């Protein structure tokens, strides 16, 4: 992450017609760097040869800040999950009316 200065997430959150809802959120780099100290658990009961796992990042009171999911599939994906938006900066939100079908 040395080459990154800022990290953004652009998501479509709602697709319930007639509205489409998007948001642009900046995830603090310092927050993601806390994952170096996460508590890691391997899913030993998984039937996969390589076992998936979770990393949990908590605050000093023990509340979850976010979790990491390490996929043991062929692509070895890493997913950030349950990220608390109150720890991030929402730069913009958009709501669009979808075109009639």
PDB file of N, CA and C in Angstrom:
ATOM      1  N   UNK A   1       0.816  -1.191   0.000  1.00  0.00           N
ATOM      2  CA  UNK A   1       0.000   0.000   0.000  1.00  0.00           C
ATOM      3  C   UNK A   1       0.864   1.260   0.000  1.00  0.00           C
ATOM      4  N   UNK A   2       2.152   1.087  -0.087  1.00  0.00           N
ATOM      5  CA  UNK A   2       3.049   2.249  -0.090  1.00  0.00           C
ATOM      6  C   UNK A   2       2.770   3.200  -1.236  1.00  0.00           C
ATOM      7  N   UNK A   3       2.356   2.674  -2.375  1.00  0.00           N
ATOM      8  CA  UNK A   3       2.161   3.527  -3.545  1.00  0.00           C
ATOM      9  C   UNK A   3       0.802   4.221  -3.559  1.00  0.00           C
ATOM     10  N   UNK A   4      -0.046   3.935  -2.583  1.00  0.00           N
ATOM     11  CA  UNK A   4      -1.366   4.563  -2.517  1.00  0.00           C
ATOM     12  C   UNK A   4      -1.361   5.729  -1.540  1.00  0.00           C
ATOM     13  N   UNK A   5      -2.000   6.813  -1.949  1.00  0.00           N
ATOM     14  CA  UNK A   5      -2.202   7.939  -1.048  1.00  0.00           C
ATOM     15  C   UNK A   5      -3.629   7.975  -0.540  1.00  0.00           C
ATOM     16  N   UNK A   6      -4.580   7.625  -1.423  1.00  0.00           N
ATOM     17  CA  UNK A   6      -6.002   7.650  -1.064  1.00  0.00           C
ATOM     18  C   UNK A   6      -6.681   6.415  -1.642  1.00  0.00           C
ATOM     19  N   UNK A   7      -7.697   5.936  -0.931  1.00  0.00           N
ATOM     20  CA  UNK A   7      -8.416   4.730  -1.341  1.00  0.00           C
ATOM     21  C   UNK A   7      -9.899   5.059  -1.366  1.00  0.00           C
ATOM     22  N   UNK A   8     -10.539   4.799  -2.502  1.00  0.00           N
ATOM     23  CA  UNK A   8     -11.946   5.121  -2.681  1.00  0.00           C
ATOM     24  C   UNK A   8     -12.758   3.873  -3.006  1.00  0.00           C
ATOM     25  N   UNK A   9     -14.007   3.935  -2.618  1.00  0.00           N
ATOM     26  CA  UNK A   9     -14.980   2.914  -2.984  1.00  0.00           C
ATOM     27  C   UNK A   9     -16.154   3.628  -3.631  1.00  0.00           C
ATOM     28  N   UNK A  10     -16.501   3.202  -4.841  1.00  0.00           N
ATOM     29  CA  UNK A  10     -17.659   3.745  -5.548  1.00  0.00           C
ATOM     30  C   UNK A  10     -18.648   2.604  -5.684  1.00  0.00           C
ATOM     31  N   UNK A  11     -19.811   2.756  -5.037  1.00  0.00           N
ATOM     32  CA  UNK A  11     -20.759   1.633  -4.991  1.00  0.00           C
ATOM     33  C   UNK A  11     -22.159   2.052  -5.404  1.00  0.00           C
ATOM     34  N   UNK A  12     -22.836   1.118  -6.051  1.00  0.00           N
ATOM     35  CA  UNK A  12     -24.268   1.261  -6.280  1.00  0.00           C
ATOM     36  C   UNK A  12     -24.943   0.524  -5.141  1.00  0.00           C
ATOM     37  N   UNK A  13     -25.714   1.235  -4.331  1.00  0.00           N
ATOM     38  CA  UNK A  13     -26.282   0.651  -3.131  1.00  0.00           C
ATOM     39  C   UNK A  13     -27.720   0.192  -3.287  1.00  0.00           C
ATOM     40  N   UNK A  14     -28.465   0.829  -4.124  1.00  0.00           N
ATOM     41  CA  UNK A  14     -29.875   0.483  -4.220  1.00  0.00           C
ATOM     42  C   UNK A  14     -30.292   0.464  -5.679  1.00  0.00           C
ATOM     43  N   UNK A  15     -31.047  -0.520  -6.037  1.00  0.00           N
ATOM     44  CA  UNK A  15     -31.533  -0.610  -7.409  1.00  0.00           C
ATOM     45  C   UNK A  15     -33.047  -0.732  -7.453  1.00  0.00           C
ATOM     46  N   UNK A  16     -33.698  -0.325  -6.368  1.00  0.00           N
ATOM     47  CA  UNK A  16     -35.150  -0.413  -6.331  1.00  0.00           C
ATOM     48  C   UNK A  16     -35.732   0.662  -7.233  1.00  0.00           C
ATOM     49  N   UNK A  17     -36.388   0.271  -8.304  1.00  0.00           N
ATOM     50  CA  UNK A  17     -36.975   1.280  -9.187  1.00  0.00           C
ATOM     51  C   UNK A  17     -37.954   2.145  -8.408  1.00  0.00           C
ATOM     52  N   UNK A  18     -38.062   3.420  -8.704  1.00  0.00           N
ATOM     53  CA  UNK A  18     -37.425   4.062  -9.846  1.00  0.00           C
ATOM     54  C   UNK A  18     -36.067   4.683  -9.525  1.00  0.00           C
ATOM     55  N   UNK A  19     -35.527   4.488  -8.325  1.00  0.00           N
ATOM     56  CA  UNK A  19     -34.300   5.193  -7.942  1.00  0.00           C
ATOM     57  C   UNK A  19     -33.079   4.278  -7.967  1.00  0.00           C
ATOM     58  N   UNK A  20     -31.969   4.845  -8.406  1.00  0.00           N
ATOM     59  CA  UNK A  20     -30.656   4.207  -8.321  1.00  0.00           C
ATOM     60  C   UNK A  20     -29.823   5.082  -7.395  1.00  0.00           C
ATOM     61  N   UNK A  21     -29.125   4.474  -6.432  1.00  0.00           N
ATOM     62  CA  UNK A  21     -28.399   5.233  -5.422  1.00  0.00           C
ATOM     63  C   UNK A  21     -26.925   4.823  -5.450  1.00  0.00           C
ATOM     64  N   UNK A  22     -26.042   5.810  -5.572  1.00  0.00           N
ATOM     65  CA  UNK A  22     -24.596   5.583  -5.601  1.00  0.00           C
ATOM     66  C   UNK A  22     -23.936   6.410  -4.509  1.00  0.00           C
ATOM     67  N   UNK A  23     -22.750   5.951  -4.074  1.00  0.00           N
ATOM     68  CA  UNK A  23     -21.978   6.746  -3.122  1.00  0.00           C
ATOM     69  C   UNK A  23     -20.489   6.587  -3.408  1.00  0.00           C
ATOM     70  N   UNK A  24     -19.749   7.642  -3.119  1.00  0.00           N
ATOM     71  CA  UNK A  24     -18.296   7.651  -3.233  1.00  0.00           C
ATOM     72  C   UNK A  24     -17.739   7.865  -1.830  1.00  0.00           C
ATOM     73  N   UNK A  25     -17.016   6.860  -1.332  1.00  0.00           N
ATOM     74  CA  UNK A  25     -16.507   6.866   0.038  1.00  0.00           C
ATOM     75  C   UNK A  25     -14.991   6.727   0.018  1.00  0.00           C
ATOM     76  N   UNK A  26     -14.317   7.558   0.806  1.00  0.00           N
ATOM     77  CA  UNK A  26     -12.869   7.429   0.979  1.00  0.00           C
ATOM     78  C   UNK A  26     -12.600   6.619   2.240  1.00  0.00           C
ATOM     79  N   UNK A  27     -11.827   5.562   2.069  1.00  0.00           N
ATOM     80  CA  UNK A  27     -11.446   4.702   3.188  1.00  0.00           C
ATOM     81  C   UNK A  27     -10.069   5.158   3.653  1.00  0.00           C
ATOM     82  N   UNK A  28      -9.933   5.594   4.895  1.00  0.00           N
ATOM     83  CA  UNK A  28      -8.621   6.064   5.348  1.00  0.00           C
ATOM     84  C   UNK A  28      -7.556   4.970   5.227  1.00  0.00           C
ATOM     85  N   UNK A  29      -6.452   5.334   4.639  1.00  0.00           N
ATOM     86  CA  UNK A  29      -5.347   4.385   4.479  1.00  0.00           C
ATOM     87  C   UNK A  29      -4.886   3.867   5.838  1.00  0.00           C
ATOM     88  N   UNK A  30      -4.844   4.749   6.832  1.00  0.00           N
ATOM     89  CA  UNK A  30      -4.418   4.338   8.179  1.00  0.00           C
ATOM     90  C   UNK A  30      -5.339   3.260   8.741  1.00  0.00           C
ATOM     91  N   UNK A  31      -6.622   3.352   8.424  1.00  0.00           N
ATOM     92  CA  UNK A  31      -7.571   2.341   8.890  1.00  0.00           C
ATOM     93  C   UNK A  31      -7.247   0.982   8.276  1.00  0.00           C
ATOM     94  N   UNK A  32      -7.006   0.949   6.982  1.00  0.00           N
ATOM     95  CA  UNK A  32      -6.677  -0.324   6.332  1.00  0.00           C
ATOM     96  C   UNK A  32      -5.335  -0.877   6.801  1.00  0.00           C
ATOM     97  N   UNK A  33      -4.407   0.003   7.128  1.00  0.00           N
ATOM     98  CA  UNK A  33      -3.108  -0.469   7.628  1.00  0.00           C
ATOM     99  C   UNK A  33      -3.226  -1.172   8.978  1.00  0.00           C
ATOM    100  N   UNK A  34      -4.312  -0.912   9.707  1.00  0.00           N
ATOM    101  CA  UNK A  34      -4.546  -1.615  10.972  1.00  0.00           C
ATOM    102  C   UNK A  34      -4.741  -3.113  10.763  1.00  0.00           C
ATOM    103  N   UNK A  35      -5.019  -3.518   9.539  1.00  0.00           N
ATOM    104  CA  UNK A  35      -5.218  -4.945   9.257  1.00  0.00           C
ATOM    105  C   UNK A  35      -3.947  -5.756   9.513  1.00  0.00           C
ATOM    106  N   UNK A  36      -2.805  -5.092   9.580  1.00  0.00           N
ATOM    107  CA  UNK A  36      -1.555  -5.801   9.893  1.00  0.00           C
ATOM    108  C   UNK A  36      -1.614  -6.406  11.297  1.00  0.00           C
ATOM    109  N   UNK A  37      -2.479  -5.876  12.149  1.00  0.00           N
ATOM    110  CA  UNK A  37      -2.616  -6.371  13.523  1.00  0.00           C
ATOM    111  C   UNK A  37      -3.931  -7.130  13.736  1.00  0.00           C
ATOM    112  N   UNK A  38      -4.546  -7.598  12.660  1.00  0.00           N
ATOM    113  CA  UNK A  38      -5.852  -8.253  12.797  1.00  0.00           C
ATOM    114  C   UNK A  38      -5.727  -9.605  13.509  1.00  0.00           C
ATOM    115  N   UNK A  39      -6.841 -10.033  14.060  1.00  0.00           N
ATOM    116  CA  UNK A  39      -6.938 -11.372  14.636  1.00  0.00           C
ATOM    117  C   UNK A  39      -7.422 -12.273  13.510  1.00  0.00           C
ATOM    118  N   UNK A  40      -6.637 -13.282  13.181  1.00  0.00           N
ATOM    119  CA  UNK A  40      -6.921 -14.122  12.015  1.00  0.00           C
ATOM    120  C   UNK A  40      -7.448 -15.479  12.443  1.00  0.00           C
ATOM    121  N   UNK A  41      -8.485 -15.933  11.735  1.00  0.00           N
ATOM    122  CA  UNK A  41      -9.053 -17.252  11.980  1.00  0.00           C
ATOM    123  C   UNK A  41      -9.151 -18.007  10.665  1.00  0.00           C
ATOM    124  N   UNK A  42      -8.675 -19.224  10.642  1.00  0.00           N
ATOM    125  CA  UNK A  42      -8.780 -20.090   9.471  1.00  0.00           C
ATOM    126  C   UNK A  42     -10.046 -20.921   9.612  1.00  0.00           C
ATOM    127  N   UNK A  43     -10.778 -21.071   8.533  1.00  0.00           N
ATOM    128  CA  UNK A  43     -12.009 -21.879   8.526  1.00  0.00           C
ATOM    129  C   UNK A  43     -11.622 -23.353   8.368  1.00  0.00           C
ATOM    130  N   UNK A  44     -11.258 -23.962   9.477  1.00  0.00           N
ATOM    131  CA  UNK A  44     -10.779 -25.344   9.458  1.00  0.00           C
ATOM    132  C   UNK A  44     -11.824 -26.338   8.964  1.00  0.00           C
ATOM    133  N   UNK A  45     -13.110 -26.027   9.149  1.00  0.00           N
ATOM    134  CA  UNK A  45     -14.166 -26.951   8.734  1.00  0.00           C
ATOM    135  C   UNK A  45     -14.498 -26.861   7.242  1.00  0.00           C
ATOM    136  N   UNK A  46     -13.812 -25.999   6.510  1.00  0.00           N
ATOM    137  CA  UNK A  46     -14.043 -25.875   5.072  1.00  0.00           C
ATOM    138  C   UNK A  46     -13.569 -27.136   4.360  1.00  0.00           C
ATOM    139  N   UNK A  47     -14.277 -27.514   3.308  1.00  0.00           N
ATOM    140  CA  UNK A  47     -13.889 -28.693   2.531  1.00  0.00           C
ATOM    141  C   UNK A  47     -12.843 -28.357   1.476  1.00  0.00           C
ATOM    142  N   UNK A  48     -12.519 -27.085   1.320  1.00  0.00           N
ATOM    143  CA  UNK A  48     -11.508 -26.690   0.341  1.00  0.00           C
ATOM    144  C   UNK A  48     -10.133 -27.152   0.808  1.00  0.00           C
ATOM    145  N   UNK A  49      -9.277 -27.475  -0.179  1.00  0.00           N
ATOM    146  CA  UNK A  49      -7.916 -27.902   0.157  1.00  0.00           C
ATOM    147  C   UNK A  49      -7.165 -26.764   0.842  1.00  0.00           C
ATOM    148  N   UNK A  50      -7.144 -25.606   0.223  1.00  0.00           N
ATOM    149  CA  UNK A  50      -6.608 -24.417   0.887  1.00  0.00           C
ATOM    150  C   UNK A  50      -7.755 -23.794   1.658  1.00  0.00           C
ATOM    151  N   UNK A  51      -7.584 -23.536   2.901  1.00  0.00           N
ATOM    152  CA  UNK A  51      -8.660 -23.070   3.774  1.00  0.00           C
ATOM    153  C   UNK A  51      -8.841 -21.558   3.684  1.00  0.00           C
ATOM    154  N   UNK A  52     -10.108 -21.092   3.536  1.00  0.00           N
ATOM    155  CA  UNK A  52     -10.349 -19.650   3.597  1.00  0.00           C
ATOM    156  C   UNK A  52     -10.187 -19.161   5.033  1.00  0.00           C
ATOM    157  N   UNK A  53     -10.135 -17.861   5.200  1.00  0.00           N
ATOM    158  CA  UNK A  53      -9.976 -17.323   6.543  1.00  0.00           C
ATOM    159  C   UNK A  53     -10.510 -15.914   6.668  1.00  0.00           C
ATOM    160  N   UNK A  54     -10.653 -15.482   7.904  1.00  0.00           N
ATOM    161  CA  UNK A  54     -11.124 -14.142   8.243  1.00  0.00           C
ATOM    162  C   UNK A  54     -10.103 -13.447   9.119  1.00  0.00           C
ATOM    163  N   UNK A  55      -9.940 -12.152   8.886  1.00  0.00           N
ATOM    164  CA  UNK A  55      -9.154 -11.297   9.761  1.00  0.00           C
ATOM    165  C   UNK A  55     -10.075 -10.240  10.339  1.00  0.00           C
ATOM    166  N   UNK A  56     -10.024 -10.066  11.649  1.00  0.00           N
ATOM    167  CA  UNK A  56     -10.921  -9.119  12.328  1.00  0.00           C
ATOM    168  C   UNK A  56     -10.112  -7.954  12.879  1.00  0.00           C
ATOM    169  N   UNK A  57     -10.541  -6.747  12.540  1.00  0.00           N
ATOM    170  CA  UNK A  57      -9.907  -5.527  13.046  1.00  0.00           C
ATOM    171  C   UNK A  57     -10.910  -4.858  13.974  1.00  0.00           C
ATOM    172  N   UNK A  58     -10.514  -4.679  15.229  1.00  0.00           N
ATOM    173  CA  UNK A  58     -11.413  -4.139  16.257  1.00  0.00           C
ATOM    174  C   UNK A  58     -10.805  -2.884  16.893  1.00  0.00           C
ATOM    175  N   UNK A  59     -11.687  -2.064  17.480  1.00  0.00           N
ATOM    176  CA  UNK A  59     -11.207  -0.898  18.222  1.00  0.00           C
ATOM    177  C   UNK A  59     -10.849  -1.329  19.639  1.00  0.00           C
ATOM    178  N   UNK A  60     -10.409  -0.389  20.457  1.00  0.00           N
ATOM    179  CA  UNK A  60      -9.955  -0.729  21.807  1.00  0.00           C
ATOM    180  C   UNK A  60     -11.077  -1.253  22.689  1.00  0.00           C
ATOM    181  N   UNK A  61     -12.337  -0.940  22.356  1.00  0.00           N
ATOM    182  CA  UNK A  61     -13.483  -1.452  23.119  1.00  0.00           C
ATOM    183  C   UNK A  61     -13.931  -2.825  22.617  1.00  0.00           C
ATOM    184  N   UNK A  62     -13.268  -3.326  21.571  1.00  0.00           N
ATOM    185  CA  UNK A  62     -13.624  -4.632  21.035  1.00  0.00           C
ATOM    186  C   UNK A  62     -14.660  -4.604  19.930  1.00  0.00           C
ATOM    187  N   UNK A  63     -15.095  -3.415  19.516  1.00  0.00           N
ATOM    188  CA  UNK A  63     -16.072  -3.301  18.436  1.00  0.00           C
ATOM    189  C   UNK A  63     -15.400  -3.511  17.083  1.00  0.00           C
ATOM    190  N   UNK A  64     -16.073  -4.219  16.205  1.00  0.00           N
ATOM    191  CA  UNK A  64     -15.530  -4.511  14.878  1.00  0.00           C
ATOM    192  C   UNK A  64     -15.450  -3.238  14.048  1.00  0.00           C
ATOM    193  N   UNK A  65     -14.270  -2.971  13.487  1.00  0.00           N
ATOM    194  CA  UNK A  65     -14.103  -1.874  12.538  1.00  0.00           C
ATOM    195  C   UNK A  65     -14.366  -2.382  11.126  1.00  0.00           C
ATOM    196  N   UNK A  66     -13.768  -3.526  10.806  1.00  0.00           N
ATOM    197  CA  UNK A  66     -14.005  -4.200   9.533  1.00  0.00           C
ATOM    198  C   UNK A  66     -13.415  -5.591   9.622  1.00  0.00           C
ATOM    199  N   UNK A  67     -13.786  -6.405   8.651  1.00  0.00           N
ATOM    200  CA  UNK A  67     -13.187  -7.730   8.588  1.00  0.00           C
ATOM    201  C   UNK A  67     -12.668  -7.988   7.186  1.00  0.00           C
ATOM    202  N   UNK A  68     -11.691  -8.848   7.109  1.00  0.00           N
ATOM    203  CA  UNK A  68     -11.114  -9.274   5.845  1.00  0.00           C
ATOM    204  C   UNK A  68     -11.520 -10.718   5.606  1.00  0.00           C
ATOM    205  N   UNK A  69     -11.884 -11.033   4.378  1.00  0.00           N
ATOM    206  CA  UNK A  69     -12.182 -12.415   4.020  1.00  0.00           C
ATOM    207  C   UNK A  69     -11.177 -12.843   2.959  1.00  0.00           C
ATOM    208  N   UNK A  70     -10.425 -13.869   3.270  1.00  0.00           N
ATOM    209  CA  UNK A  70      -9.430 -14.416   2.350  1.00  0.00           C
ATOM    210  C   UNK A  70     -10.026 -15.644   1.688  1.00  0.00           C
ATOM    211  N   UNK A  71     -10.337 -15.533   0.411  1.00  0.00           N
ATOM    212  CA  UNK A  71     -10.918 -16.615  -0.360  1.00  0.00           C
ATOM    213  C   UNK A  71      -9.820 -17.623  -0.690  1.00  0.00           C
ATOM    214  N   UNK A  72     -10.104 -18.890  -0.483  1.00  0.00           N
ATOM    215  CA  UNK A  72      -9.106 -19.919  -0.775  1.00  0.00           C
ATOM    216  C   UNK A  72      -9.289 -20.503  -2.171  1.00  0.00           C
ATOM    217  N   UNK A  73     -10.150 -19.896  -2.977  1.00  0.00           N
ATOM    218  CA  UNK A  73     -10.370 -20.384  -4.337  1.00  0.00           C
ATOM    219  C   UNK A  73      -9.174 -20.124  -5.232  1.00  0.00           C
ATOM    220  N   UNK A  74      -9.324 -20.436  -6.503  1.00  0.00           N
ATOM    221  CA  UNK A  74      -8.204 -20.337  -7.438  1.00  0.00           C
ATOM    222  C   UNK A  74      -7.728 -18.907  -7.658  1.00  0.00           C
ATOM    223  N   UNK A  75      -8.592 -17.918  -7.426  1.00  0.00           N
ATOM    224  CA  UNK A  75      -8.208 -16.517  -7.642  1.00  0.00           C
ATOM    225  C   UNK A  75      -7.618 -15.863  -6.406  1.00  0.00           C
ATOM    226  N   UNK A  76      -7.742 -16.472  -5.231  1.00  0.00           N
ATOM    227  CA  UNK A  76      -7.184 -15.955  -3.967  1.00  0.00           C
ATOM    228  C   UNK A  76      -7.593 -14.517  -3.697  1.00  0.00           C
ATOM    229  N   UNK A  77      -8.889 -14.253  -3.756  1.00  0.00           N
ATOM    230  CA  UNK A  77      -9.398 -12.890  -3.561  1.00  0.00           C
ATOM    231  C   UNK A  77      -9.367 -12.496  -2.087  1.00  0.00           C
ATOM    232  N   UNK A  78      -9.224 -11.217  -1.873  1.00  0.00           N
ATOM    233  CA  UNK A  78      -9.325 -10.619  -0.538  1.00  0.00           C
ATOM    234  C   UNK A  78     -10.483  -9.645  -0.590  1.00  0.00           C
ATOM    235  N   UNK A  79     -11.410  -9.775   0.344  1.00  0.00           N
ATOM    236  CA  UNK A  79     -12.576  -8.906   0.381  1.00  0.00           C
ATOM    237  C   UNK A  79     -12.614  -8.183   1.723  1.00  0.00           C
ATOM    238  N   UNK A  80     -12.834  -6.880   1.678  1.00  0.00           N
ATOM    239  CA  UNK A  80     -13.044  -6.089   2.888  1.00  0.00           C
ATOM    240  C   UNK A  80     -14.550  -6.083   3.135  1.00  0.00           C
ATOM    241  N   UNK A  81     -14.958  -6.499   4.324  1.00  0.00           N
ATOM    242  CA  UNK A  81     -16.375  -6.631   4.643  1.00  0.00           C
ATOM    243  C   UNK A  81     -16.707  -5.893   5.932  1.00  0.00           C
ATOM    244  N   UNK A  82     -17.962  -5.535   6.070  1.00  0.00           N
ATOM    245  CA  UNK A  82     -18.499  -4.940   7.299  1.00  0.00           C
ATOM    246  C   UNK A  82     -17.717  -3.704   7.735  1.00  0.00           C
ATOM    247  N   UNK A  83     -17.222  -2.969   6.769  1.00  0.00           N
ATOM    248  CA  UNK A  83     -16.472  -1.746   7.047  1.00  0.00           C
ATOM    249  C   UNK A  83     -17.428  -0.678   7.583  1.00  0.00           C
ATOM    250  N   UNK A  84     -17.123  -0.172   8.755  1.00  0.00           N
ATOM    251  CA  UNK A  84     -17.956   0.859   9.365  1.00  0.00           C
ATOM    252  C   UNK A  84     -17.795   2.177   8.615  1.00  0.00           C
ATOM    253  N   UNK A  85     -18.887   2.648   8.057  1.00  0.00           N
ATOM    254  CA  UNK A  85     -18.832   3.875   7.272  1.00  0.00           C
ATOM    255  C   UNK A  85     -18.556   5.092   8.136  1.00  0.00           C
ATOM    256  N   UNK A  86     -18.862   5.019   9.432  1.00  0.00           N
ATOM    257  CA  UNK A  86     -18.579   6.167  10.307  1.00  0.00           C
ATOM    258  C   UNK A  86     -17.080   6.388  10.481  1.00  0.00           C
ATOM    259  N   UNK A  87     -16.261   5.437  10.066  1.00  0.00           N
ATOM    260  CA  UNK A  87     -14.803   5.583  10.124  1.00  0.00           C
ATOM    261  C   UNK A  87     -14.233   6.090   8.800  1.00  0.00           C
ATOM    262  N   UNK A  88     -15.101   6.316   7.830  1.00  0.00           N
ATOM    263  CA  UNK A  88     -14.705   6.745   6.493  1.00  0.00           C
ATOM    264  C   UNK A  88     -15.275   8.136   6.197  1.00  0.00           C
ATOM    265  N   UNK A  89     -14.915   8.666   5.038  1.00  0.00           N
ATOM    266  CA  UNK A  89     -15.424   9.969   4.619  1.00  0.00           C
ATOM    267  C   UNK A  89     -16.275   9.783   3.368  1.00  0.00           C
ATOM    268  N   UNK A  90     -17.549  10.153   3.464  1.00  0.00           N
ATOM    269  CA  UNK A  90     -18.435  10.095   2.300  1.00  0.00           C
ATOM    270  C   UNK A  90     -18.256  11.393   1.529  1.00  0.00           C
ATOM    271  N   UNK A  91     -17.735  11.278   0.303  1.00  0.00           N
ATOM    272  CA  UNK A  91     -17.487  12.466  -0.518  1.00  0.00           C
ATOM    273  C   UNK A  91     -18.726  12.899  -1.293  1.00  0.00           C
ATOM    274  N   UNK A  92     -19.514  11.934  -1.752  1.00  0.00           N
ATOM    275  CA  UNK A  92     -20.672  12.294  -2.572  1.00  0.00           C
ATOM    276  C   UNK A  92     -21.667  11.138  -2.611  1.00  0.00           C
ATOM    277  N   UNK A  93     -22.913  11.498  -2.814  1.00  0.00           N
ATOM    278  CA  UNK A  93     -23.965  10.513  -3.065  1.00  0.00           C
ATOM    279  C   UNK A  93     -24.791  11.011  -4.243  1.00  0.00           C
ATOM    280  N   UNK A  94     -25.328  10.078  -4.986  1.00  0.00           N
ATOM    281  CA  UNK A  94     -26.161  10.404  -6.134  1.00  0.00           C
ATOM    282  C   UNK A  94     -27.402   9.524  -6.128  1.00  0.00           C
ATOM    283  N   UNK A  95     -28.510  10.115  -6.490  1.00  0.00           N
ATOM    284  CA  UNK A  95     -29.732   9.357  -6.703  1.00  0.00           C
ATOM    285  C   UNK A  95     -30.245   9.696  -8.089  1.00  0.00           C
ATOM    286  N   UNK A  96     -30.467   8.658  -8.891  1.00  0.00           N
ATOM    287  CA  UNK A  96     -30.960   8.841 -10.250  1.00  0.00           C
ATOM    288  C   UNK A  96     -32.261   8.082 -10.404  1.00  0.00           C
ATOM    289  N   UNK A  97     -33.163   8.670 -11.172  1.00  0.00           N
ATOM    290  CA  UNK A  97     -34.354   7.929 -11.553  1.00  0.00           C
ATOM    291  C   UNK A  97     -33.986   7.007 -12.705  1.00  0.00           C
ATOM    292  N   UNK A  98     -34.399   5.763 -12.613  1.00  0.00           N
ATOM    293  CA  UNK A  98     -34.093   4.824 -13.682  1.00  0.00           C
ATOM    294  C   UNK A  98     -35.106   5.009 -14.800  1.00  0.00           C
ATOM    295  N   UNK A  99     -34.687   4.647 -15.982  1.00  0.00           N
ATOM    296  CA  UNK A  99     -35.556   4.772 -17.152  1.00  0.00           C
ATOM    297  C   UNK A  99     -36.685   3.751 -17.069  1.00  0.00           C
ATOM    298  N   UNK A 100     -37.868   4.123 -17.510  1.00  0.00           N
ATOM    299  CA  UNK A 100     -38.952   3.143 -17.482  1.00  0.00           C
ATOM    300  C   UNK A 100     -38.646   1.974 -18.412  1.00  0.00           C
ATOM    301  N   UNK A 101     -39.122   0.800 -18.014  1.00  0.00           N
ATOM    302  CA  UNK A 101     -38.848  -0.420 -18.788  1.00  0.00           C
ATOM    303  C   UNK A 101     -39.699  -0.492 -20.014  1.00  0.00           C
TER     304      UNK A 101
END
